[in-house]
Amino acid sequence: MTYKWIGAMLIIAGCGGFGCSLAAGHRREERTLRQLIEALNYMECELQYRLTPLPELCRQTGRRQNGPLRQVFLTLAGELDSQTSPDVGICMTSALKQSQGIPAMSREALASLGRSLGRFDLPGQISGLREARALCRLALGDLSRNRENRLRNYQTLGLCAGAALAIIFL
């Protein structure tokens, strides 16, 4: 009988942990999008006022970041330096494959950025940076809308699902 109760508690804890994990992933996505917006602002200013070459621009942007975005930008700078491909989009795809922990919406915005960087003149690149930033802001707005209710629902549903499973198994 004791084993049943221990099992029930483990099921509830596991499902509750899954709900908390969903909430943490949501917060991580928001944080990464905010950092990416900041990085895109920096890149736009550097391009407009210093005309920094793209590999150096990515390196400087990477040094200013922390977490997974740092790795993406530094890897992209290395890919551009090594000239493995003349296409920035392919280099960005390679950098994203090598980087772990990039949430889906941020990954999509970075891929969009890779498709526009290095292809056009300065106004075209600035336009690409602004497009990627607009994509980030749109995604961030979607995530921020009803955030507290959504996070609480993830956690509550996890615990309730665990309790329901525990009741079924008991």
C-alpha atoms as a PDB file:
ATOM      1  CA  MET A   1       0.000   0.000   0.000  1.00  0.00           C
ATOM      2  CA  THR A   2       2.867   2.378   0.786  1.00  0.00           C
ATOM      3  CA  TYR A   3       4.318   1.797  -2.673  1.00  0.00           C
ATOM      4  CA  LYS A   4       1.075   2.969  -4.248  1.00  0.00           C
ATOM      5  CA  TRP A   5       1.200   6.241  -2.322  1.00  0.00           C
ATOM      6  CA  ILE A   6       4.858   6.783  -3.150  1.00  0.00           C
ATOM      7  CA  GLY A   7       4.072   6.082  -6.811  1.00  0.00           C
ATOM      8  CA  ALA A   8       1.135   8.485  -6.731  1.00  0.00           C
ATOM      9  CA  MET A   9       3.303  11.232  -5.257  1.00  0.00           C
ATOM     10  CA  LEU A  10       5.974  10.614  -7.894  1.00  0.00           C
ATOM     11  CA  ILE A  11       3.374  10.841 -10.669  1.00  0.00           C
ATOM     12  CA  ILE A  12       2.008  14.101  -9.277  1.00  0.00           C
ATOM     13  CA  ALA A  13       5.520  15.502  -8.863  1.00  0.00           C
ATOM     14  CA  GLY A  14       6.521  14.421 -12.382  1.00  0.00           C
ATOM     15  CA  CYS A  15       3.474  15.986 -14.023  1.00  0.00           C
ATOM     16  CA  GLY A  16       3.833  19.116 -11.895  1.00  0.00           C
ATOM     17  CA  GLY A  17       7.482  19.304 -12.905  1.00  0.00           C
ATOM     18  CA  PHE A  18       6.474  19.058 -16.552  1.00  0.00           C
ATOM     19  CA  GLY A  19       4.074  21.998 -16.099  1.00  0.00           C
ATOM     20  CA  CYS A  20       6.829  24.018 -14.436  1.00  0.00           C
ATOM     21  CA  SER A  21       9.171  23.058 -17.270  1.00  0.00           C
ATOM     22  CA  LEU A  22       6.685  24.439 -19.814  1.00  0.00           C
ATOM     23  CA  ALA A  23       6.483  27.689 -17.855  1.00  0.00           C
ATOM     24  CA  ALA A  24      10.285  27.924 -17.674  1.00  0.00           C
ATOM     25  CA  GLY A  25      10.534  27.368 -21.443  1.00  0.00           C
ATOM     26  CA  HIS A  26       8.060  30.199 -21.966  1.00  0.00           C
ATOM     27  CA  ARG A  27      10.128  32.533 -19.794  1.00  0.00           C
ATOM     28  CA  ARG A  28      13.337  31.472 -21.591  1.00  0.00           C
ATOM     29  CA  GLU A  29      11.762  32.261 -24.978  1.00  0.00           C
ATOM     30  CA  GLU A  30      10.760  35.730 -23.782  1.00  0.00           C
ATOM     31  CA  ARG A  31      14.209  36.425 -22.356  1.00  0.00           C
ATOM     32  CA  THR A  32      15.944  35.267 -25.544  1.00  0.00           C
ATOM     33  CA  LEU A  33      13.689  37.399 -27.742  1.00  0.00           C
ATOM     34  CA  ARG A  34      14.417  40.461 -25.610  1.00  0.00           C
ATOM     35  CA  GLN A  35      18.155  39.807 -25.882  1.00  0.00           C
ATOM     36  CA  LEU A  36      17.846  39.321 -29.628  1.00  0.00           C
ATOM     37  CA  ILE A  37      16.028  42.644 -30.013  1.00  0.00           C
ATOM     38  CA  GLU A  38      18.845  44.306 -28.077  1.00  0.00           C
ATOM     39  CA  ALA A  39      21.427  42.594 -30.301  1.00  0.00           C
ATOM     40  CA  LEU A  40      19.640  43.702 -33.472  1.00  0.00           C
ATOM     41  CA  ASN A  41      19.522  47.295 -32.193  1.00  0.00           C
ATOM     42  CA  TYR A  42      23.262  47.165 -31.565  1.00  0.00           C
ATOM     43  CA  MET A  43      23.952  45.678 -35.005  1.00  0.00           C
ATOM     44  CA  GLU A  44      21.890  48.365 -36.719  1.00  0.00           C
ATOM     45  CA  CYS A  45      23.722  51.165 -34.928  1.00  0.00           C
ATOM     46  CA  GLU A  46      27.122  49.637 -35.691  1.00  0.00           C
ATOM     47  CA  LEU A  47      26.274  49.223 -39.362  1.00  0.00           C
ATOM     48  CA  GLN A  48      24.896  52.737 -39.717  1.00  0.00           C
ATOM     49  CA  TYR A  49      27.680  54.607 -37.994  1.00  0.00           C
ATOM     50  CA  ARG A  50      30.825  52.503 -38.305  1.00  0.00           C
ATOM     51  CA  LEU A  51      30.117  50.273 -41.318  1.00  0.00           C
ATOM     52  CA  THR A  52      31.637  47.384 -39.366  1.00  0.00           C
ATOM     53  CA  PRO A  53      32.427  44.338 -41.546  1.00  0.00           C
ATOM     54  CA  LEU A  54      29.944  41.518 -41.007  1.00  0.00           C
ATOM     55  CA  PRO A  55      32.246  38.958 -39.299  1.00  0.00           C
ATOM     56  CA  GLU A  56      33.504  41.599 -36.863  1.00  0.00           C
ATOM     57  CA  LEU A  57      29.959  42.877 -36.310  1.00  0.00           C
ATOM     58  CA  CYS A  58      28.797  39.365 -35.380  1.00  0.00           C
ATOM     59  CA  ARG A  59      31.809  38.893 -33.102  1.00  0.00           C
ATOM     60  CA  GLN A  60      31.157  42.186 -31.286  1.00  0.00           C
ATOM     61  CA  THR A  61      27.468  41.372 -30.965  1.00  0.00           C
ATOM     62  CA  GLY A  62      28.313  37.930 -29.568  1.00  0.00           C
ATOM     63  CA  ARG A  63      30.643  39.388 -26.982  1.00  0.00           C
ATOM     64  CA  ARG A  64      27.869  41.681 -25.744  1.00  0.00           C
ATOM     65  CA  GLN A  65      25.425  38.788 -25.283  1.00  0.00           C
ATOM     66  CA  ASN A  66      25.164  35.935 -22.836  1.00  0.00           C
ATOM     67  CA  GLY A  67      23.525  32.556 -23.049  1.00  0.00           C
ATOM     68  CA  PRO A  68      22.737  30.829 -26.312  1.00  0.00           C
ATOM     69  CA  LEU A  69      22.779  34.015 -28.432  1.00  0.00           C
ATOM     70  CA  ARG A  70      26.431  34.533 -27.592  1.00  0.00           C
ATOM     71  CA  GLN A  71      27.269  31.153 -29.038  1.00  0.00           C
ATOM     72  CA  VAL A  72      25.205  31.772 -32.191  1.00  0.00           C
ATOM     73  CA  PHE A  73      26.834  35.094 -33.030  1.00  0.00           C
ATOM     74  CA  LEU A  74      30.362  33.954 -32.231  1.00  0.00           C
ATOM     75  CA  THR A  75      29.875  30.780 -34.281  1.00  0.00           C
ATOM     76  CA  LEU A  76      28.445  32.836 -37.138  1.00  0.00           C
ATOM     77  CA  ALA A  77      31.490  35.116 -37.034  1.00  0.00           C
ATOM     78  CA  GLY A  78      33.753  32.053 -37.191  1.00  0.00           C
ATOM     79  CA  GLU A  79      31.775  30.638 -40.118  1.00  0.00           C
ATOM     80  CA  LEU A  80      32.025  33.944 -41.975  1.00  0.00           C
ATOM     81  CA  ASP A  81      35.750  34.222 -41.250  1.00  0.00           C
ATOM     82  CA  SER A  82      36.476  30.715 -42.482  1.00  0.00           C
ATOM     83  CA  GLN A  83      34.464  31.375 -45.658  1.00  0.00           C
ATOM     84  CA  THR A  84      32.956  27.886 -45.598  1.00  0.00           C
ATOM     85  CA  SER A  85      30.142  29.319 -47.705  1.00  0.00           C
ATOM     86  CA  PRO A  86      29.799  32.704 -49.407  1.00  0.00           C
ATOM     87  CA  ASP A  87      26.131  32.791 -48.368  1.00  0.00           C
ATOM     88  CA  VAL A  88      25.385  34.264 -44.926  1.00  0.00           C
ATOM     89  CA  GLY A  89      22.136  32.292 -44.767  1.00  0.00           C
ATOM     90  CA  ILE A  90      24.028  28.995 -45.003  1.00  0.00           C
ATOM     91  CA  CYS A  91      26.508  30.210 -42.376  1.00  0.00           C
ATOM     92  CA  MET A  92      23.608  31.177 -40.079  1.00  0.00           C
ATOM     93  CA  THR A  93      21.983  27.762 -40.588  1.00  0.00           C
ATOM     94  CA  SER A  94      25.277  26.114 -39.667  1.00  0.00           C
ATOM     95  CA  ALA A  95      25.669  28.353 -36.598  1.00  0.00           C
ATOM     96  CA  LEU A  96      22.129  27.532 -35.472  1.00  0.00           C
ATOM     97  CA  LYS A  97      22.779  23.800 -35.862  1.00  0.00           C
ATOM     98  CA  GLN A  98      25.891  24.079 -33.700  1.00  0.00           C
ATOM     99  CA  SER A  99      24.163  26.145 -31.006  1.00  0.00           C
ATOM    100  CA  GLN A 100      22.049  24.495 -28.341  1.00  0.00           C
ATOM    101  CA  GLY A 101      19.220  25.979 -26.338  1.00  0.00           C
ATOM    102  CA  ILE A 102      17.842  28.454 -28.887  1.00  0.00           C
ATOM    103  CA  PRO A 103      14.042  28.609 -28.490  1.00  0.00           C
ATOM    104  CA  ALA A 104      11.932  28.111 -31.631  1.00  0.00           C
ATOM    105  CA  MET A 105      10.743  31.690 -32.181  1.00  0.00           C
ATOM    106  CA  SER A 106      14.227  33.092 -31.671  1.00  0.00           C
ATOM    107  CA  ARG A 107      15.623  30.479 -34.056  1.00  0.00           C
ATOM    108  CA  GLU A 108      13.103  31.571 -36.685  1.00  0.00           C
ATOM    109  CA  ALA A 109      14.060  35.254 -36.276  1.00  0.00           C
ATOM    110  CA  LEU A 110      17.765  34.407 -36.538  1.00  0.00           C
ATOM    111  CA  ALA A 111      17.153  32.379 -39.697  1.00  0.00           C
ATOM    112  CA  SER A 112      15.281  35.365 -41.150  1.00  0.00           C
ATOM    113  CA  LEU A 113      18.224  37.583 -40.252  1.00  0.00           C
ATOM    114  CA  GLY A 114      20.607  35.173 -41.988  1.00  0.00           C
ATOM    115  CA  ARG A 115      18.596  35.398 -45.199  1.00  0.00           C
ATOM    116  CA  SER A 116      19.033  39.174 -45.387  1.00  0.00           C
ATOM    117  CA  LEU A 117      22.490  39.908 -43.972  1.00  0.00           C
ATOM    118  CA  GLY A 118      25.316  40.260 -46.454  1.00  0.00           C
ATOM    119  CA  ARG A 119      23.047  40.150 -49.508  1.00  0.00           C
ATOM    120  CA  PHE A 120      22.256  43.796 -50.001  1.00  0.00           C
ATOM    121  CA  ASP A 121      23.771  47.221 -49.646  1.00  0.00           C
ATOM    122  CA  LEU A 122      23.650  49.083 -46.343  1.00  0.00           C
ATOM    123  CA  PRO A 123      19.990  50.194 -46.566  1.00  0.00           C
ATOM    124  CA  GLY A 124      18.982  46.646 -47.506  1.00  0.00           C
ATOM    125  CA  GLN A 125      20.835  45.166 -44.552  1.00  0.00           C
ATOM    126  CA  ILE A 126      19.327  47.754 -42.200  1.00  0.00           C
ATOM    127  CA  SER A 127      15.926  46.825 -43.588  1.00  0.00           C
ATOM    128  CA  GLY A 128      16.664  43.137 -42.911  1.00  0.00           C
ATOM    129  CA  LEU A 129      17.657  43.925 -39.333  1.00  0.00           C
ATOM    130  CA  ARG A 130      14.446  45.886 -38.844  1.00  0.00           C
ATOM    131  CA  GLU A 131      12.381  43.049 -40.313  1.00  0.00           C
ATOM    132  CA  ALA A 132      13.976  40.537 -37.934  1.00  0.00           C
ATOM    133  CA  ARG A 133      13.428  42.924 -35.022  1.00  0.00           C
ATOM    134  CA  ALA A 134       9.760  43.366 -36.007  1.00  0.00           C
ATOM    135  CA  LEU A 135       9.396  39.573 -36.087  1.00  0.00           C
ATOM    136  CA  CYS A 136      10.905  39.379 -32.594  1.00  0.00           C
ATOM    137  CA  ARG A 137       8.633  42.103 -31.263  1.00  0.00           C
ATOM    138  CA  LEU A 138       5.571  40.412 -32.723  1.00  0.00           C
ATOM    139  CA  ALA A 139       6.527  37.071 -31.159  1.00  0.00           C
ATOM    140  CA  LEU A 140       7.345  38.767 -27.858  1.00  0.00           C
ATOM    141  CA  GLY A 141       3.972  40.512 -27.878  1.00  0.00           C
ATOM    142  CA  ASP A 142       2.220  37.169 -28.428  1.00  0.00           C
ATOM    143  CA  LEU A 143       4.146  35.594 -25.568  1.00  0.00           C
ATOM    144  CA  SER A 144       3.576  38.527 -23.218  1.00  0.00           C
ATOM    145  CA  ARG A 145      -0.178  38.632 -23.764  1.00  0.00           C
ATOM    146  CA  ASN A 146      -1.846  36.938 -20.759  1.00  0.00           C
ATOM    147  CA  ARG A 147       1.541  35.644 -19.619  1.00  0.00           C
ATOM    148  CA  GLU A 148       0.707  35.260 -15.943  1.00  0.00           C
ATOM    149  CA  ASN A 149      -2.503  33.339 -16.609  1.00  0.00           C
ATOM    150  CA  ARG A 150      -0.788  31.101 -19.151  1.00  0.00           C
ATOM    151  CA  LEU A 151       2.122  30.281 -16.833  1.00  0.00           C
ATOM    152  CA  ARG A 152      -0.206  29.566 -13.934  1.00  0.00           C
ATOM    153  CA  ASN A 153      -2.324  27.357 -16.217  1.00  0.00           C
ATOM    154  CA  TYR A 154       0.733  25.335 -17.291  1.00  0.00           C
ATOM    155  CA  GLN A 155       1.636  24.659 -13.684  1.00  0.00           C
ATOM    156  CA  THR A 156      -1.932  23.968 -12.552  1.00  0.00           C
ATOM    157  CA  LEU A 157      -2.694  21.662 -15.461  1.00  0.00           C
ATOM    158  CA  GLY A 158       0.503  19.733 -14.786  1.00  0.00           C
ATOM    159  CA  LEU A 159      -0.459  19.170 -11.165  1.00  0.00           C
ATOM    160  CA  CYS A 160      -4.088  18.324 -12.032  1.00  0.00           C
ATOM    161  CA  ALA A 161      -3.025  15.854 -14.713  1.00  0.00           C
ATOM    162  CA  GLY A 162      -0.692  14.223 -12.200  1.00  0.00           C
ATOM    163  CA  ALA A 163      -3.457  14.015  -9.615  1.00  0.00           C
ATOM    164  CA  ALA A 164      -5.867  12.525 -12.169  1.00  0.00           C
ATOM    165  CA  LEU A 165      -3.326   9.893 -13.186  1.00  0.00           C
ATOM    166  CA  ALA A 166      -2.592   9.084  -9.555  1.00  0.00           C
ATOM    167  CA  ILE A 167      -6.313   8.631  -8.833  1.00  0.00           C
ATOM    168  CA  ILE A 168      -6.713   6.356 -11.862  1.00  0.00           C
ATOM    169  CA  PHE A 169      -3.785   4.179 -10.799  1.00  0.00           C
ATOM    170  CA  LEU A 170      -4.881   3.972  -7.168  1.00  0.00           C
END
